[in-house]
C-alpha atoms as a PDB file:
ATOM      1  CA  UNK A   1      94.002 129.901 104.804  1.00  0.00           C
ATOM      2  CA  UNK A   2      93.565 126.667 102.867  1.00  0.00           C
ATOM      3  CA  UNK A   3      95.242 126.272  99.483  1.00  0.00           C
ATOM      4  CA  UNK A   4      93.583 123.062  98.237  1.00  0.00           C
ATOM      5  CA  UNK A   5      92.443 123.196  94.599  1.00  0.00           C
ATOM      6  CA  UNK A   6      90.056 121.016  92.541  1.00  0.00           C
ATOM      7  CA  UNK A   7      91.387 117.745  91.153  1.00  0.00           C
ATOM      8  CA  UNK A   8      93.077 117.782  87.725  1.00  0.00           C
ATOM      9  CA  UNK A   9      90.549 117.045  84.990  1.00  0.00           C
ATOM     10  CA  UNK A  10      92.239 113.784  83.943  1.00  0.00           C
ATOM     11  CA  UNK A  11      91.776 112.355  87.452  1.00  0.00           C
ATOM     12  CA  UNK A  12      88.132 113.429  87.522  1.00  0.00           C
ATOM     13  CA  UNK A  13      87.536 111.646  84.211  1.00  0.00           C
ATOM     14  CA  UNK A  14      89.209 108.490  85.474  1.00  0.00           C
ATOM     15  CA  UNK A  15      87.108 108.551  88.625  1.00  0.00           C
ATOM     16  CA  UNK A  16      83.858 108.824  86.672  1.00  0.00           C
ATOM     17  CA  UNK A  17      85.014 105.943  84.470  1.00  0.00           C
ATOM     18  CA  UNK A  18      85.701 103.786  87.538  1.00  0.00           C
ATOM     19  CA  UNK A  19      82.375 104.668  89.165  1.00  0.00           C
ATOM     20  CA  UNK A  20      80.433 103.770  86.011  1.00  0.00           C
ATOM     21  CA  UNK A  21      82.208 100.444  85.439  1.00  0.00           C
ATOM     22  CA  UNK A  22      84.210  98.763  88.218  1.00  0.00           C
ATOM     23  CA  UNK A  23      82.051 100.147  91.000  1.00  0.00           C
ATOM     24  CA  UNK A  24      78.693  99.496  89.336  1.00  0.00           C
ATOM     25  CA  UNK A  25      79.689  95.941  88.474  1.00  0.00           C
ATOM     26  CA  UNK A  26      80.746  95.224  92.080  1.00  0.00           C
ATOM     27  CA  UNK A  27      78.432  97.501  94.052  1.00  0.00           C
ATOM     28  CA  UNK A  28      77.311  94.766  96.444  1.00  0.00           C
ATOM     29  CA  UNK A  29      80.913  93.961  97.356  1.00  0.00           C
ATOM     30  CA  UNK A  30      81.747  97.597  98.086  1.00  0.00           C
ATOM     31  CA  UNK A  31      78.635  97.965 100.230  1.00  0.00           C
ATOM     32  CA  UNK A  32      79.596  94.839 102.154  1.00  0.00           C
ATOM     33  CA  UNK A  33      83.089  96.227 102.751  1.00  0.00           C
ATOM     34  CA  UNK A  34      81.572  99.473 104.024  1.00  0.00           C
ATOM     35  CA  UNK A  35      79.025  97.800 106.314  1.00  0.00           C
ATOM     36  CA  UNK A  36      81.175  94.993 107.722  1.00  0.00           C
ATOM     37  CA  UNK A  37      84.489  96.862 107.934  1.00  0.00           C
ATOM     38  CA  UNK A  38      87.894  95.722 106.805  1.00  0.00           C
ATOM     39  CA  UNK A  39      89.301  92.279 107.623  1.00  0.00           C
ATOM     40  CA  UNK A  40      92.659  92.126 105.853  1.00  0.00           C
ATOM     41  CA  UNK A  41      94.773  89.035 106.356  1.00  0.00           C
ATOM     42  CA  UNK A  42      98.029  90.882 105.791  1.00  0.00           C
ATOM     43  CA  UNK A  43      99.698  94.218 106.359  1.00  0.00           C
ATOM     44  CA  UNK A  44     102.176  95.419 103.758  1.00  0.00           C
ATOM     45  CA  UNK A  45     104.866  98.023 104.410  1.00  0.00           C
ATOM     46  CA  UNK A  46     106.122  99.190 101.047  1.00  0.00           C
ATOM     47  CA  UNK A  47     108.020 102.070  99.509  1.00  0.00           C
ATOM     48  CA  UNK A  48     106.208 105.225  98.370  1.00  0.00           C
ATOM     49  CA  UNK A  49     107.766 104.803  94.918  1.00  0.00           C
ATOM     50  CA  UNK A  50     104.997 105.178  92.320  1.00  0.00           C
ATOM     51  CA  UNK A  51     106.417 102.264  90.310  1.00  0.00           C
ATOM     52  CA  UNK A  52     105.733  99.790  93.124  1.00  0.00           C
ATOM     53  CA  UNK A  53     102.064  98.720  93.172  1.00  0.00           C
ATOM     54  CA  UNK A  54     101.681  95.886  95.649  1.00  0.00           C
ATOM     55  CA  UNK A  55      97.981  95.288  94.974  1.00  0.00           C
ATOM     56  CA  UNK A  56      98.708  94.822  91.278  1.00  0.00           C
ATOM     57  CA  UNK A  57     101.743  92.618  92.015  1.00  0.00           C
ATOM     58  CA  UNK A  58      99.594  90.128  93.941  1.00  0.00           C
ATOM     59  CA  UNK A  59      96.288  90.692  92.148  1.00  0.00           C
ATOM     60  CA  UNK A  60      94.783  91.844  95.440  1.00  0.00           C
ATOM     61  CA  UNK A  61      91.204  93.039  95.759  1.00  0.00           C
ATOM     62  CA  UNK A  62      90.074  95.992  97.838  1.00  0.00           C
ATOM     63  CA  UNK A  63      89.937  95.031 101.490  1.00  0.00           C
ATOM     64  CA  UNK A  64      92.621  92.365 101.169  1.00  0.00           C
ATOM     65  CA  UNK A  65      95.776  94.275 102.199  1.00  0.00           C
ATOM     66  CA  UNK A  66      96.305  96.860 104.927  1.00  0.00           C
ATOM     67  CA  UNK A  67      99.006  98.934 103.195  1.00  0.00           C
ATOM     68  CA  UNK A  68     101.395 101.444 104.721  1.00  0.00           C
ATOM     69  CA  UNK A  69     103.821 103.231 102.409  1.00  0.00           C
ATOM     70  CA  UNK A  70     106.829 105.318 103.348  1.00  0.00           C
ATOM     71  CA  UNK A  71     110.210 106.305 101.941  1.00  0.00           C
ATOM     72  CA  UNK A  72     112.322 103.147 101.409  1.00  0.00           C
ATOM     73  CA  UNK A  73     109.853 100.857 103.253  1.00  0.00           C
ATOM     74  CA  UNK A  74     111.477 101.530 106.617  1.00  0.00           C
ATOM     75  CA  UNK A  75     110.353 100.597 110.117  1.00  0.00           C
ATOM     76  CA  UNK A  76     111.672 102.627 113.051  1.00  0.00           C
ATOM     77  CA  UNK A  77     112.478 100.842 116.322  1.00  0.00           C
ATOM     78  CA  UNK A  78     109.949 100.876 119.159  1.00  0.00           C
ATOM     79  CA  UNK A  79     110.235 104.324 120.792  1.00  0.00           C
ATOM     80  CA  UNK A  80     107.329 105.326 123.082  1.00  0.00           C
ATOM     81  CA  UNK A  81     108.462 108.945 123.498  1.00  0.00           C
ATOM     82  CA  UNK A  82     105.096 110.649 123.094  1.00  0.00           C
ATOM     83  CA  UNK A  83     105.959 112.008 119.637  1.00  0.00           C
ATOM     84  CA  UNK A  84     104.059 111.387 116.392  1.00  0.00           C
ATOM     85  CA  UNK A  85     104.935 108.023 114.818  1.00  0.00           C
ATOM     86  CA  UNK A  86     102.854 107.268 111.721  1.00  0.00           C
ATOM     87  CA  UNK A  87     104.519 103.996 110.756  1.00  0.00           C
ATOM     88  CA  UNK A  88     104.513 102.680 114.323  1.00  0.00           C
ATOM     89  CA  UNK A  89     100.843 103.643 114.725  1.00  0.00           C
ATOM     90  CA  UNK A  90      99.941 101.773 111.533  1.00  0.00           C
ATOM     91  CA  UNK A  91     101.805  98.684 112.760  1.00  0.00           C
ATOM     92  CA  UNK A  92     100.074  98.826 116.147  1.00  0.00           C
ATOM     93  CA  UNK A  93      96.661  99.137 114.503  1.00  0.00           C
ATOM     94  CA  UNK A  94      97.307  96.235 112.127  1.00  0.00           C
ATOM     95  CA  UNK A  95      98.634  93.884 114.804  1.00  0.00           C
ATOM     96  CA  UNK A  96      96.520  94.828 117.835  1.00  0.00           C
ATOM     97  CA  UNK A  97      93.207  95.862 116.257  1.00  0.00           C
ATOM     98  CA  UNK A  98      92.992  94.176 112.857  1.00  0.00           C
ATOM     99  CA  UNK A  99      95.018  91.180 114.076  1.00  0.00           C
ATOM    100  CA  UNK A 100      96.585  90.478 110.694  1.00  0.00           C
ATOM    101  CA  UNK A 101      98.192  87.073 110.256  1.00  0.00           C
ATOM    102  CA  UNK A 102     101.030  88.281 108.027  1.00  0.00           C
ATOM    103  CA  UNK A 103     103.200  91.395 107.981  1.00  0.00           C
ATOM    104  CA  UNK A 104     105.161  91.914 104.775  1.00  0.00           C
ATOM    105  CA  UNK A 105     108.010  94.382 104.237  1.00  0.00           C
ATOM    106  CA  UNK A 106     108.690  94.824 100.523  1.00  0.00           C
ATOM    107  CA  UNK A 107     111.516  96.775  98.931  1.00  0.00           C
ATOM    108  CA  UNK A 108     112.438  97.228  95.285  1.00  0.00           C
ATOM    109  CA  UNK A 109     115.177  97.841  92.740  1.00  0.00           C
ATOM    110  CA  UNK A 110     116.513 101.324  91.950  1.00  0.00           C
ATOM    111  CA  UNK A 111     115.072 102.715  95.187  1.00  0.00           C
ATOM    112  CA  UNK A 112     115.683 106.456  95.403  1.00  0.00           C
ATOM    113  CA  UNK A 113     115.481 106.443  99.187  1.00  0.00           C
ATOM    114  CA  UNK A 114     118.162 103.785  99.449  1.00  0.00           C
ATOM    115  CA  UNK A 115     120.359 105.715  96.996  1.00  0.00           C
ATOM    116  CA  UNK A 116     119.818 108.842  99.097  1.00  0.00           C
ATOM    117  CA  UNK A 117     120.932 106.987 102.219  1.00  0.00           C
ATOM    118  CA  UNK A 118     124.098 105.767 100.490  1.00  0.00           C
ATOM    119  CA  UNK A 119     124.932 109.263  99.264  1.00  0.00           C
ATOM    120  CA  UNK A 120     124.301 110.700 102.732  1.00  0.00           C
ATOM    121  CA  UNK A 121     126.406 108.108 104.550  1.00  0.00           C
ATOM    122  CA  UNK A 122     129.275 108.387 102.083  1.00  0.00           C
ATOM    123  CA  UNK A 123     129.400 112.159 102.726  1.00  0.00           C
ATOM    124  CA  UNK A 124     130.025 111.648 106.447  1.00  0.00           C
ATOM    125  CA  UNK A 125     132.558 114.227 107.557  1.00  0.00           C
ATOM    126  CA  UNK A 126     131.773 116.391 104.543  1.00  0.00           C
ATOM    127  CA  UNK A 127     128.612 118.365 103.847  1.00  0.00           C
ATOM    128  CA  UNK A 128     126.089 115.642 104.702  1.00  0.00           C
ATOM    129  CA  UNK A 129     123.123 117.918 104.106  1.00  0.00           C
ATOM    130  CA  UNK A 130     120.565 119.530 106.347  1.00  0.00           C
ATOM    131  CA  UNK A 131     120.405 117.653 109.639  1.00  0.00           C
ATOM    132  CA  UNK A 132     116.952 119.107 110.240  1.00  0.00           C
ATOM    133  CA  UNK A 133     115.534 117.687 107.009  1.00  0.00           C
ATOM    134  CA  UNK A 134     112.663 115.247 107.535  1.00  0.00           C
ATOM    135  CA  UNK A 135     114.090 113.065 104.777  1.00  0.00           C
ATOM    136  CA  UNK A 136     117.615 113.060 106.203  1.00  0.00           C
ATOM    137  CA  UNK A 137     116.377 112.070 109.654  1.00  0.00           C
ATOM    138  CA  UNK A 138     114.191 109.321 108.202  1.00  0.00           C
ATOM    139  CA  UNK A 139     116.995 107.831 106.118  1.00  0.00           C
ATOM    140  CA  UNK A 140     119.158 107.591 109.228  1.00  0.00           C
ATOM    141  CA  UNK A 141     117.106 104.463 109.964  1.00  0.00           C
ATOM    142  CA  UNK A 142     119.016 102.815 107.109  1.00  0.00           C
ATOM    143  CA  UNK A 143     122.465 103.601 108.497  1.00  0.00           C
ATOM    144  CA  UNK A 144     122.876 100.171 110.206  1.00  0.00           C
ATOM    145  CA  UNK A 145     122.236  98.524 106.836  1.00  0.00           C
ATOM    146  CA  UNK A 146     124.778 100.804 105.145  1.00  0.00           C
ATOM    147  CA  UNK A 147     127.370  99.943 107.785  1.00  0.00           C
ATOM    148  CA  UNK A 148     126.889  96.237 107.053  1.00  0.00           C
ATOM    149  CA  UNK A 149     127.278  96.797 103.314  1.00  0.00           C
ATOM    150  CA  UNK A 150     130.369  98.957 103.859  1.00  0.00           C
ATOM    151  CA  UNK A 151     131.962  96.260 106.016  1.00  0.00           C
ATOM    152  CA  UNK A 152     131.272  93.702 103.274  1.00  0.00           C
ATOM    153  CA  UNK A 153     133.708  95.615 101.033  1.00  0.00           C
ATOM    154  CA  UNK A 154     131.610  95.463  97.849  1.00  0.00           C
ATOM    155  CA  UNK A 155     133.374  97.527  95.160  1.00  0.00           C
ATOM    156  CA  UNK A 156     130.732  97.740  92.423  1.00  0.00           C
ATOM    157  CA  UNK A 157     128.355 100.690  92.952  1.00  0.00           C
ATOM    158  CA  UNK A 158     125.325  98.891  91.549  1.00  0.00           C
ATOM    159  CA  UNK A 159     125.957  95.782  93.631  1.00  0.00           C
ATOM    160  CA  UNK A 160     126.369  97.899  96.779  1.00  0.00           C
ATOM    161  CA  UNK A 161     123.011  99.603  96.239  1.00  0.00           C
ATOM    162  CA  UNK A 162     121.321  96.273  95.523  1.00  0.00           C
ATOM    163  CA  UNK A 163     122.768  94.850  98.740  1.00  0.00           C
ATOM    164  CA  UNK A 164     121.673  97.960 100.643  1.00  0.00           C
ATOM    165  CA  UNK A 165     118.098  97.625  99.350  1.00  0.00           C
ATOM    166  CA  UNK A 166     117.945  94.101 100.743  1.00  0.00           C
ATOM    167  CA  UNK A 167     119.778  94.861 103.988  1.00  0.00           C
ATOM    168  CA  UNK A 168     117.300  97.684 104.574  1.00  0.00           C
ATOM    169  CA  UNK A 169     114.466  95.160 104.473  1.00  0.00           C
ATOM    170  CA  UNK A 170     116.251  93.074 107.101  1.00  0.00           C
ATOM    171  CA  UNK A 171     116.761  96.113 109.346  1.00  0.00           C
ATOM    172  CA  UNK A 172     113.033  96.804 109.123  1.00  0.00           C
ATOM    173  CA  UNK A 173     112.254  93.207 110.085  1.00  0.00           C
ATOM    174  CA  UNK A 174     114.644  93.474 113.031  1.00  0.00           C
ATOM    175  CA  UNK A 175     113.078  96.755 114.155  1.00  0.00           C
ATOM    176  CA  UNK A 176     109.612  95.205 113.981  1.00  0.00           C
ATOM    177  CA  UNK A 177     110.651  92.724 116.642  1.00  0.00           C
ATOM    178  CA  UNK A 178     111.432  95.580 119.057  1.00  0.00           C
ATOM    179  CA  UNK A 179     107.693  96.270 119.420  1.00  0.00           C
ATOM    180  CA  UNK A 180     106.550  94.213 122.437  1.00  0.00           C
ATOM    181  CA  UNK A 181     103.031  93.573 121.133  1.00  0.00           C
ATOM    182  CA  UNK A 182     104.392  92.393 117.789  1.00  0.00           C
ATOM    183  CA  UNK A 183     107.029  90.159 119.339  1.00  0.00           C
ATOM    184  CA  UNK A 184     104.317  88.553 121.488  1.00  0.00           C
ATOM    185  CA  UNK A 185     102.202  87.845 118.388  1.00  0.00           C
ATOM    186  CA  UNK A 186     105.169  86.319 116.548  1.00  0.00           C
ATOM    187  CA  UNK A 187     106.125  84.151 119.524  1.00  0.00           C
ATOM    188  CA  UNK A 188     102.487  83.051 119.911  1.00  0.00           C
ATOM    189  CA  UNK A 189     102.579  82.103 116.189  1.00  0.00           C
ATOM    190  CA  UNK A 190      99.544  84.264 115.399  1.00  0.00           C
ATOM    191  CA  UNK A 191     101.680  86.541 113.192  1.00  0.00           C
ATOM    192  CA  UNK A 192     104.315  85.794 110.566  1.00  0.00           C
ATOM    193  CA  UNK A 193     106.870  88.281 109.229  1.00  0.00           C
ATOM    194  CA  UNK A 194     108.028  88.288 105.602  1.00  0.00           C
ATOM    195  CA  UNK A 195     110.747  90.202 103.749  1.00  0.00           C
ATOM    196  CA  UNK A 196     110.349  90.655  99.997  1.00  0.00           C
ATOM    197  CA  UNK A 197     112.298  92.443  97.270  1.00  0.00           C
ATOM    198  CA  UNK A 198     111.115  93.012  93.713  1.00  0.00           C
ATOM    199  CA  UNK A 199     113.005  93.918  90.554  1.00  0.00           C
ATOM    200  CA  UNK A 200     110.738  96.432  88.853  1.00  0.00           C
ATOM    201  CA  UNK A 201     112.299  96.080  85.399  1.00  0.00           C
ATOM    202  CA  UNK A 202     112.460  92.281  85.349  1.00  0.00           C
ATOM    203  CA  UNK A 203     109.251  91.693  87.289  1.00  0.00           C
ATOM    204  CA  UNK A 204     111.081  89.277  89.597  1.00  0.00           C
ATOM    205  CA  UNK A 205     110.134  88.746  93.244  1.00  0.00           C
ATOM    206  CA  UNK A 206     112.454  87.439  95.966  1.00  0.00           C
ATOM    207  CA  UNK A 207     111.783  86.496  99.585  1.00  0.00           C
ATOM    208  CA  UNK A 208     114.183  86.347 102.510  1.00  0.00           C
ATOM    209  CA  UNK A 209     114.841  82.772 103.560  1.00  0.00           C
ATOM    210  CA  UNK A 210     115.883  82.753 107.227  1.00  0.00           C
ATOM    211  CA  UNK A 211     117.436  79.289 107.016  1.00  0.00           C
ATOM    212  CA  UNK A 212     119.874  80.187 104.247  1.00  0.00           C
ATOM    213  CA  UNK A 213     120.167  83.845 105.279  1.00  0.00           C
ATOM    214  CA  UNK A 214     119.638  84.945 101.672  1.00  0.00           C
ATOM    215  CA  UNK A 215     116.975  86.292  99.346  1.00  0.00           C
ATOM    216  CA  UNK A 216     115.533  83.583  97.094  1.00  0.00           C
ATOM    217  CA  UNK A 217     113.600  84.098  93.864  1.00  0.00           C
ATOM    218  CA  UNK A 218     109.920  83.111  94.052  1.00  0.00           C
END
């Protein structure tokens, strides 16, 4: 039995408003996108957080970014075990089929997923929660980043979480390089990887600079 219900009325009204304005004014562009297919230059892996809108951040048009969102913008390591891997499938499609030139991992301030990882890791040996939880298993991907932050000995809670948000981006970049097809594209210089972090409240954007090993404000 299906339990899907009609859309809330406010969303229906917004849709009709979009169809009568933005769509009508750009109908030829939408028809071209439909007929010619997508040709994005970049893939973006971002957090599910509703406050993070990558298209708005970069003023991107439809068809410009291939966007994959998940909790805490994480990338699992290459693991061809025959199971279902949504993030890995999206990466494979972007790199092997769409042949994007850029792959961007973007994290953000006050990330609930990162906070959840910190809480989970700090409870090690206590009641760490349900080990069968989808969320708990997913956040385990961040444990290497938490270990690095713990070893750094940062005392301030806010500073630790900020560091963990950025270390999580680096873990995702490292895990990306475990995919053979992606590593080949990077080594052939047909694909570039980028790590970004944005402060939602301040509107700031930082990128990871490999030479200095630090995040630098844009």
